[in-house]
Amino acid sequence: MGEVLQKRFPDMVALFTGLGFLTVLAELVLTDHTEGIRILAPLAAGIGAGAILLGLGFPRGRVWATGLLLLVGGIGLLGLVEHMQEALEAFSPSVVRLVDEEGWEYPAYPGPLREGEKEGSPPPLAPLALSGLGLLGALALRARKP
């Protein structure tokens, strides 16, 4: 049993990585992450799942699949930059201030949203899921013995 597990471990890691890409793809589609530059994330998740299938199904395609997975990891880093910029833009310095009798001001809570402001910012580290899956899949395919 141990020898079979050791022999098939890279295949299992690659398979679970492919399932991870499909899960990320489903989440991105369900959250309507499909406009403008945001379309890159679902495309990258689909490419990642396809690259895993290519690497598992065709031994000669393993080098191409590894390259595609590293590209997907780079797209995840691009998404990280985009999310960080959106998070900084969504930061609203508007705060309701309490003023005591002596004139001292105290921040109380975030003020109401101004016109054109978004309710929340995107999670800044979410795109790293694509980067991590891409790197993990590339390593799994590289470790796979023919």
N, C-alpha and C. Protein backbone atom coordinates (compact mmCIF):
# COMPACT_ATOMS: atom_id res chain seq x y z
N MET A 1 0.82 -1.20 0.00
CA MET A 1 0.00 0.00 0.00
C MET A 1 0.86 1.25 0.00
N GLY A 2 1.92 1.26 0.82
CA GLY A 2 2.78 2.42 0.92
C GLY A 2 3.49 2.73 -0.38
N GLU A 3 3.90 1.68 -1.10
CA GLU A 3 4.59 1.89 -2.37
C GLU A 3 3.66 2.48 -3.42
N VAL A 4 2.42 2.00 -3.43
CA VAL A 4 1.44 2.52 -4.39
C VAL A 4 1.15 3.98 -4.09
N LEU A 5 0.98 4.30 -2.83
CA LEU A 5 0.72 5.69 -2.45
C LEU A 5 1.91 6.58 -2.82
N GLN A 6 3.10 6.10 -2.54
CA GLN A 6 4.29 6.88 -2.86
C GLN A 6 4.42 7.07 -4.37
N LYS A 7 4.10 6.05 -5.14
CA LYS A 7 4.20 6.14 -6.60
C LYS A 7 3.14 7.08 -7.17
N ARG A 8 1.94 7.05 -6.62
CA ARG A 8 0.82 7.82 -7.16
C ARG A 8 0.60 9.16 -6.47
N PHE A 9 1.42 9.50 -5.49
CA PHE A 9 1.21 10.74 -4.75
C PHE A 9 1.20 11.98 -5.64
N PRO A 10 2.16 12.16 -6.56
CA PRO A 10 2.09 13.34 -7.44
C PRO A 10 0.82 13.38 -8.28
N ASP A 11 0.34 12.21 -8.71
CA ASP A 11 -0.92 12.16 -9.47
C ASP A 11 -2.09 12.62 -8.61
N MET A 12 -2.11 12.18 -7.36
CA MET A 12 -3.20 12.57 -6.47
C MET A 12 -3.16 14.06 -6.16
N VAL A 13 -1.96 14.60 -5.94
CA VAL A 13 -1.83 16.03 -5.69
C VAL A 13 -2.30 16.82 -6.91
N ALA A 14 -1.90 16.37 -8.10
CA ALA A 14 -2.32 17.05 -9.33
C ALA A 14 -3.84 16.97 -9.49
N LEU A 15 -4.42 15.81 -9.20
CA LEU A 15 -5.87 15.66 -9.31
C LEU A 15 -6.61 16.59 -8.36
N PHE A 16 -6.16 16.66 -7.12
CA PHE A 16 -6.80 17.56 -6.16
C PHE A 16 -6.57 19.02 -6.52
N THR A 17 -5.44 19.32 -7.14
CA THR A 17 -5.20 20.67 -7.61
C THR A 17 -6.19 21.03 -8.72
N GLY A 18 -6.43 20.08 -9.63
CA GLY A 18 -7.43 20.31 -10.68
C GLY A 18 -8.81 20.55 -10.10
N LEU A 19 -9.16 19.78 -9.08
CA LEU A 19 -10.46 20.00 -8.41
C LEU A 19 -10.49 21.37 -7.73
N GLY A 20 -9.37 21.79 -7.20
CA GLY A 20 -9.28 23.12 -6.60
C GLY A 20 -9.51 24.22 -7.63
N PHE A 21 -8.93 24.05 -8.82
CA PHE A 21 -9.15 25.01 -9.90
C PHE A 21 -10.63 25.06 -10.28
N LEU A 22 -11.27 23.89 -10.36
CA LEU A 22 -12.70 23.87 -10.72
C LEU A 22 -13.55 24.55 -9.64
N THR A 23 -13.17 24.38 -8.38
CA THR A 23 -13.89 25.03 -7.29
C THR A 23 -13.74 26.54 -7.36
N VAL A 24 -12.51 27.01 -7.61
CA VAL A 24 -12.28 28.45 -7.74
C VAL A 24 -13.05 29.00 -8.94
N LEU A 25 -13.04 28.26 -10.04
CA LEU A 25 -13.79 28.67 -11.23
C LEU A 25 -15.28 28.81 -10.92
N ALA A 26 -15.85 27.84 -10.21
CA ALA A 26 -17.27 27.91 -9.86
C ALA A 26 -17.55 29.12 -8.97
N GLU A 27 -16.69 29.37 -8.00
CA GLU A 27 -16.88 30.52 -7.11
C GLU A 27 -16.82 31.83 -7.89
N LEU A 28 -15.86 31.94 -8.81
CA LEU A 28 -15.72 33.18 -9.57
C LEU A 28 -16.92 33.42 -10.48
N VAL A 29 -17.44 32.37 -11.07
CA VAL A 29 -18.62 32.52 -11.94
C VAL A 29 -19.85 32.87 -11.10
N LEU A 30 -20.01 32.21 -9.95
CA LEU A 30 -21.17 32.47 -9.10
C LEU A 30 -21.15 33.88 -8.50
N THR A 31 -19.97 34.44 -8.29
CA THR A 31 -19.88 35.79 -7.73
C THR A 31 -19.78 36.85 -8.84
N ASP A 32 -20.03 36.45 -10.06
CA ASP A 32 -20.07 37.36 -11.21
C ASP A 32 -18.74 38.11 -11.39
N HIS A 33 -17.68 37.36 -11.33
CA HIS A 33 -16.33 37.91 -11.49
C HIS A 33 -15.94 37.82 -12.96
N THR A 34 -16.73 38.49 -13.83
CA THR A 34 -16.59 38.27 -15.27
C THR A 34 -16.55 39.55 -16.09
N GLU A 35 -16.26 40.68 -15.50
CA GLU A 35 -16.27 41.93 -16.25
C GLU A 35 -14.88 42.55 -16.27
N GLY A 36 -14.50 43.12 -17.39
CA GLY A 36 -13.23 43.83 -17.52
C GLY A 36 -12.05 42.91 -17.29
N ILE A 37 -11.09 43.42 -16.55
CA ILE A 37 -9.88 42.63 -16.28
C ILE A 37 -10.18 41.47 -15.35
N ARG A 38 -11.31 41.54 -14.67
CA ARG A 38 -11.70 40.47 -13.74
C ARG A 38 -11.96 39.16 -14.45
N ILE A 39 -12.17 39.19 -15.77
CA ILE A 39 -12.42 37.96 -16.53
C ILE A 39 -11.18 37.07 -16.55
N LEU A 40 -10.01 37.65 -16.27
CA LEU A 40 -8.78 36.85 -16.27
C LEU A 40 -8.80 35.75 -15.22
N ALA A 41 -9.42 36.00 -14.09
CA ALA A 41 -9.43 35.01 -13.02
C ALA A 41 -10.17 33.73 -13.40
N PRO A 42 -11.42 33.80 -13.91
CA PRO A 42 -12.06 32.55 -14.31
C PRO A 42 -11.35 31.89 -15.49
N LEU A 43 -10.81 32.69 -16.39
CA LEU A 43 -10.06 32.10 -17.51
C LEU A 43 -8.83 31.36 -16.99
N ALA A 44 -8.13 31.96 -16.04
CA ALA A 44 -6.94 31.33 -15.47
C ALA A 44 -7.31 30.04 -14.73
N ALA A 45 -8.42 30.05 -14.01
CA ALA A 45 -8.86 28.84 -13.31
C ALA A 45 -9.20 27.74 -14.30
N GLY A 46 -9.87 28.09 -15.40
CA GLY A 46 -10.17 27.10 -16.43
C GLY A 46 -8.92 26.58 -17.11
N ILE A 47 -7.98 27.48 -17.39
CA ILE A 47 -6.71 27.06 -18.00
C ILE A 47 -5.95 26.15 -17.04
N GLY A 48 -5.98 26.47 -15.76
CA GLY A 48 -5.30 25.63 -14.77
C GLY A 48 -5.88 24.22 -14.72
N ALA A 49 -7.21 24.12 -14.73
CA ALA A 49 -7.84 22.80 -14.72
C ALA A 49 -7.50 22.04 -16.00
N GLY A 50 -7.53 22.74 -17.13
CA GLY A 50 -7.17 22.09 -18.40
C GLY A 50 -5.72 21.67 -18.44
N ALA A 51 -4.83 22.49 -17.88
CA ALA A 51 -3.41 22.14 -17.86
C ALA A 51 -3.16 20.90 -17.00
N ILE A 52 -3.88 20.78 -15.91
CA ILE A 52 -3.74 19.57 -15.08
C ILE A 52 -4.16 18.34 -15.88
N LEU A 53 -5.29 18.45 -16.58
CA LEU A 53 -5.73 17.32 -17.41
C LEU A 53 -4.71 17.01 -18.49
N LEU A 54 -4.14 18.04 -19.10
CA LEU A 54 -3.12 17.84 -20.14
C LEU A 54 -1.91 17.13 -19.56
N GLY A 55 -1.46 17.58 -18.40
CA GLY A 55 -0.28 16.97 -17.79
C GLY A 55 -0.51 15.55 -17.31
N LEU A 56 -1.71 15.25 -16.85
CA LEU A 56 -2.01 13.89 -16.40
C LEU A 56 -2.30 12.94 -17.56
N GLY A 57 -2.95 13.47 -18.59
CA GLY A 57 -3.39 12.61 -19.68
C GLY A 57 -2.36 12.35 -20.76
N PHE A 58 -1.47 13.29 -20.98
CA PHE A 58 -0.51 13.18 -22.07
C PHE A 58 0.90 13.43 -21.53
N PRO A 59 1.70 12.40 -21.44
CA PRO A 59 3.05 12.57 -20.88
C PRO A 59 3.89 13.61 -21.64
N ARG A 60 3.71 13.71 -22.93
CA ARG A 60 4.49 14.69 -23.69
C ARG A 60 3.99 16.12 -23.46
N GLY A 61 2.78 16.26 -22.99
CA GLY A 61 2.23 17.59 -22.72
C GLY A 61 2.57 18.12 -21.35
N ARG A 62 3.35 17.34 -20.59
CA ARG A 62 3.65 17.73 -19.22
C ARG A 62 4.45 19.03 -19.14
N VAL A 63 5.38 19.23 -20.07
CA VAL A 63 6.19 20.45 -20.06
C VAL A 63 5.30 21.66 -20.35
N TRP A 64 4.41 21.54 -21.34
CA TRP A 64 3.49 22.64 -21.66
C TRP A 64 2.55 22.90 -20.50
N ALA A 65 2.06 21.84 -19.89
CA ALA A 65 1.14 21.99 -18.76
C ALA A 65 1.82 22.70 -17.59
N THR A 66 3.08 22.35 -17.34
CA THR A 66 3.82 23.01 -16.26
C THR A 66 3.98 24.50 -16.56
N GLY A 67 4.29 24.83 -17.80
CA GLY A 67 4.41 26.24 -18.18
C GLY A 67 3.10 26.99 -18.03
N LEU A 68 2.00 26.35 -18.44
CA LEU A 68 0.69 26.99 -18.29
C LEU A 68 0.35 27.21 -16.82
N LEU A 69 0.68 26.26 -15.97
CA LEU A 69 0.39 26.40 -14.55
C LEU A 69 1.22 27.51 -13.92
N LEU A 70 2.45 27.67 -14.35
CA LEU A 70 3.26 28.79 -13.86
C LEU A 70 2.69 30.12 -14.34
N LEU A 71 2.15 30.14 -15.57
CA LEU A 71 1.48 31.34 -16.07
C LEU A 71 0.25 31.68 -15.24
N VAL A 72 -0.51 30.66 -14.88
CA VAL A 72 -1.68 30.85 -14.03
C VAL A 72 -1.25 31.45 -12.68
N GLY A 73 -0.12 30.97 -12.15
CA GLY A 73 0.40 31.54 -10.91
C GLY A 73 0.73 33.02 -11.06
N GLY A 74 1.26 33.41 -12.21
CA GLY A 74 1.53 34.82 -12.47
C GLY A 74 0.27 35.65 -12.57
N ILE A 75 -0.77 35.07 -13.16
CA ILE A 75 -2.05 35.78 -13.25
C ILE A 75 -2.63 35.99 -11.85
N GLY A 76 -2.40 35.03 -10.96
CA GLY A 76 -2.83 35.20 -9.58
C GLY A 76 -2.14 36.37 -8.91
N LEU A 77 -0.85 36.55 -9.21
CA LEU A 77 -0.13 37.70 -8.64
C LEU A 77 -0.65 39.02 -9.21
N LEU A 78 -1.01 39.01 -10.49
CA LEU A 78 -1.62 40.20 -11.10
C LEU A 78 -2.94 40.51 -10.40
N GLY A 79 -3.72 39.47 -10.10
CA GLY A 79 -4.97 39.65 -9.37
C GLY A 79 -4.75 40.21 -7.98
N LEU A 80 -3.66 39.79 -7.35
CA LEU A 80 -3.33 40.33 -6.03
C LEU A 80 -3.12 41.84 -6.10
N VAL A 81 -2.39 42.28 -7.11
CA VAL A 81 -2.15 43.73 -7.28
C VAL A 81 -3.47 44.46 -7.51
N GLU A 82 -4.32 43.89 -8.38
CA GLU A 82 -5.63 44.51 -8.65
C GLU A 82 -6.47 44.59 -7.39
N HIS A 83 -6.53 43.52 -6.62
CA HIS A 83 -7.34 43.52 -5.40
C HIS A 83 -6.80 44.52 -4.38
N MET A 84 -5.48 44.62 -4.29
CA MET A 84 -4.91 45.58 -3.35
C MET A 84 -5.25 47.02 -3.76
N GLN A 85 -5.20 47.30 -5.07
CA GLN A 85 -5.55 48.64 -5.54
C GLN A 85 -7.02 48.94 -5.26
N GLU A 86 -7.90 47.97 -5.52
CA GLU A 86 -9.32 48.18 -5.25
C GLU A 86 -9.57 48.37 -3.76
N ALA A 87 -8.85 47.63 -2.93
CA ALA A 87 -9.03 47.76 -1.49
C ALA A 87 -8.60 49.15 -1.02
N LEU A 88 -7.52 49.66 -1.59
CA LEU A 88 -7.06 51.00 -1.21
C LEU A 88 -8.01 52.08 -1.70
N GLU A 89 -8.58 51.87 -2.90
CA GLU A 89 -9.55 52.84 -3.43
C GLU A 89 -10.85 52.82 -2.64
N ALA A 90 -11.22 51.65 -2.13
CA ALA A 90 -12.48 51.54 -1.40
C ALA A 90 -12.36 52.06 0.02
N PHE A 91 -11.14 52.25 0.49
CA PHE A 91 -10.95 52.77 1.85
C PHE A 91 -11.50 54.19 1.91
N SER A 92 -12.44 54.37 2.78
CA SER A 92 -13.08 55.68 2.90
C SER A 92 -12.65 56.33 4.22
N PRO A 93 -12.00 57.47 4.13
CA PRO A 93 -11.61 58.13 5.37
C PRO A 93 -12.77 58.83 6.06
N SER A 94 -13.96 58.78 5.47
CA SER A 94 -15.09 59.46 6.10
C SER A 94 -15.49 58.71 7.36
N VAL A 95 -15.44 59.41 8.46
CA VAL A 95 -15.76 58.82 9.75
C VAL A 95 -16.67 59.79 10.49
N VAL A 96 -17.68 59.26 11.11
CA VAL A 96 -18.51 60.10 11.97
C VAL A 96 -17.72 60.37 13.23
N ARG A 97 -17.64 61.62 13.59
CA ARG A 97 -16.83 62.00 14.75
C ARG A 97 -17.73 62.49 15.89
N LEU A 98 -17.37 62.07 17.06
CA LEU A 98 -18.04 62.56 18.26
C LEU A 98 -17.22 63.70 18.82
N VAL A 99 -17.89 64.76 19.22
CA VAL A 99 -17.19 65.91 19.79
C VAL A 99 -17.73 66.11 21.21
N ASP A 100 -16.81 66.14 22.16
CA ASP A 100 -17.27 66.33 23.53
C ASP A 100 -17.43 67.82 23.83
N GLU A 101 -17.78 68.16 25.07
CA GLU A 101 -18.06 69.54 25.46
C GLU A 101 -16.84 70.44 25.33
N GLU A 102 -15.66 69.88 25.41
CA GLU A 102 -14.45 70.68 25.34
C GLU A 102 -13.92 70.81 23.92
N GLY A 103 -14.60 70.18 22.96
CA GLY A 103 -14.20 70.30 21.58
C GLY A 103 -13.28 69.20 21.07
N TRP A 104 -13.03 68.18 21.90
CA TRP A 104 -12.20 67.06 21.44
C TRP A 104 -13.01 66.17 20.52
N GLU A 105 -12.38 65.73 19.42
CA GLU A 105 -13.05 64.85 18.45
C GLU A 105 -12.60 63.41 18.65
N TYR A 106 -13.55 62.50 18.51
CA TYR A 106 -13.28 61.06 18.62
C TYR A 106 -13.93 60.35 17.43
N PRO A 107 -13.17 59.51 16.73
CA PRO A 107 -13.83 58.74 15.66
C PRO A 107 -14.80 57.74 16.27
N ALA A 108 -15.98 57.64 15.70
CA ALA A 108 -17.00 56.76 16.27
C ALA A 108 -17.20 55.51 15.43
N TYR A 109 -17.49 55.66 14.18
CA TYR A 109 -17.72 54.52 13.28
C TYR A 109 -17.65 55.05 11.86
N PRO A 110 -17.47 54.15 10.90
CA PRO A 110 -17.44 54.61 9.51
C PRO A 110 -18.74 55.29 9.12
N GLY A 111 -18.61 56.35 8.40
CA GLY A 111 -19.77 57.11 7.99
C GLY A 111 -20.54 56.42 6.88
N PRO A 112 -21.66 57.01 6.49
CA PRO A 112 -22.45 56.42 5.42
C PRO A 112 -21.68 56.46 4.10
N LEU A 113 -22.02 55.52 3.23
CA LEU A 113 -21.36 55.47 1.93
C LEU A 113 -21.74 56.69 1.11
N ARG A 114 -20.73 57.27 0.48
CA ARG A 114 -21.00 58.38 -0.42
C ARG A 114 -21.42 57.81 -1.77
N GLU A 115 -21.97 58.65 -2.60
CA GLU A 115 -22.43 58.21 -3.91
C GLU A 115 -21.25 57.68 -4.72
N GLY A 116 -21.42 56.50 -5.29
CA GLY A 116 -20.38 55.89 -6.11
C GLY A 116 -19.43 54.99 -5.33
N GLU A 117 -19.55 54.96 -3.99
CA GLU A 117 -18.68 54.10 -3.20
C GLU A 117 -19.23 52.69 -3.18
N LYS A 118 -18.33 51.74 -3.15
CA LYS A 118 -18.72 50.33 -3.06
C LYS A 118 -18.94 49.99 -1.60
N GLU A 119 -19.78 48.99 -1.37
CA GLU A 119 -20.07 48.62 0.01
C GLU A 119 -18.89 47.94 0.68
N GLY A 120 -18.17 47.13 -0.06
CA GLY A 120 -17.03 46.44 0.53
C GLY A 120 -15.91 46.32 -0.49
N SER A 121 -14.74 46.05 0.00
CA SER A 121 -13.62 45.87 -0.91
C SER A 121 -13.39 44.38 -1.11
N PRO A 122 -12.77 44.02 -2.22
CA PRO A 122 -12.53 42.60 -2.46
C PRO A 122 -11.50 42.06 -1.48
N PRO A 123 -11.58 40.77 -1.18
CA PRO A 123 -10.58 40.21 -0.27
C PRO A 123 -9.20 40.27 -0.93
N PRO A 124 -8.24 40.97 -0.34
CA PRO A 124 -6.98 41.22 -1.03
C PRO A 124 -6.16 39.98 -1.32
N LEU A 125 -6.26 38.94 -0.52
CA LEU A 125 -5.42 37.77 -0.71
C LEU A 125 -6.10 36.65 -1.51
N ALA A 126 -7.34 36.83 -1.93
CA ALA A 126 -8.07 35.79 -2.65
C ALA A 126 -7.36 35.33 -3.93
N PRO A 127 -6.76 36.23 -4.72
CA PRO A 127 -6.10 35.76 -5.94
C PRO A 127 -4.91 34.84 -5.71
N LEU A 128 -4.40 34.83 -4.49
CA LEU A 128 -3.28 33.94 -4.21
C LEU A 128 -3.70 32.48 -4.25
N ALA A 129 -5.01 32.20 -4.23
CA ALA A 129 -5.47 30.82 -4.42
C ALA A 129 -5.04 30.32 -5.79
N LEU A 130 -5.19 31.17 -6.81
CA LEU A 130 -4.74 30.78 -8.16
C LEU A 130 -3.24 30.58 -8.20
N SER A 131 -2.50 31.46 -7.56
CA SER A 131 -1.04 31.34 -7.56
C SER A 131 -0.60 30.06 -6.85
N GLY A 132 -1.18 29.80 -5.71
CA GLY A 132 -0.82 28.60 -4.97
C GLY A 132 -1.18 27.33 -5.70
N LEU A 133 -2.39 27.29 -6.27
CA LEU A 133 -2.78 26.11 -7.03
C LEU A 133 -1.90 25.92 -8.26
N GLY A 134 -1.55 27.02 -8.92
CA GLY A 134 -0.69 26.92 -10.10
C GLY A 134 0.67 26.36 -9.75
N LEU A 135 1.26 26.86 -8.68
CA LEU A 135 2.57 26.38 -8.26
C LEU A 135 2.51 24.93 -7.79
N LEU A 136 1.49 24.59 -7.01
CA LEU A 136 1.34 23.23 -6.52
C LEU A 136 1.14 22.25 -7.68
N GLY A 137 0.32 22.64 -8.64
CA GLY A 137 0.09 21.77 -9.79
C GLY A 137 1.34 21.59 -10.63
N ALA A 138 2.10 22.67 -10.82
CA ALA A 138 3.35 22.59 -11.59
C ALA A 138 4.34 21.67 -10.89
N LEU A 139 4.46 21.78 -9.58
CA LEU A 139 5.37 20.91 -8.84
C LEU A 139 4.91 19.45 -8.89
N ALA A 140 3.60 19.23 -8.79
CA ALA A 140 3.09 17.86 -8.83
C ALA A 140 3.36 17.22 -10.19
N LEU A 141 3.15 17.98 -11.27
CA LEU A 141 3.42 17.43 -12.60
C LEU A 141 4.91 17.22 -12.82
N ARG A 142 5.72 18.10 -12.27
CA ARG A 142 7.18 17.96 -12.41
C ARG A 142 7.69 16.74 -11.65
N ALA A 143 7.09 16.45 -10.48
CA ALA A 143 7.52 15.32 -9.68
C ALA A 143 6.97 13.99 -10.21
N ARG A 144 6.03 14.05 -11.08
CA ARG A 144 5.39 12.84 -11.62
C ARG A 144 6.40 12.04 -12.45
N LYS A 145 6.44 10.76 -12.19
CA LYS A 145 7.36 9.90 -12.95
C LYS A 145 6.62 9.35 -14.15
N PRO A 146 7.31 9.31 -15.30
CA PRO A 146 6.65 8.82 -16.52
C PRO A 146 6.34 7.33 -16.44
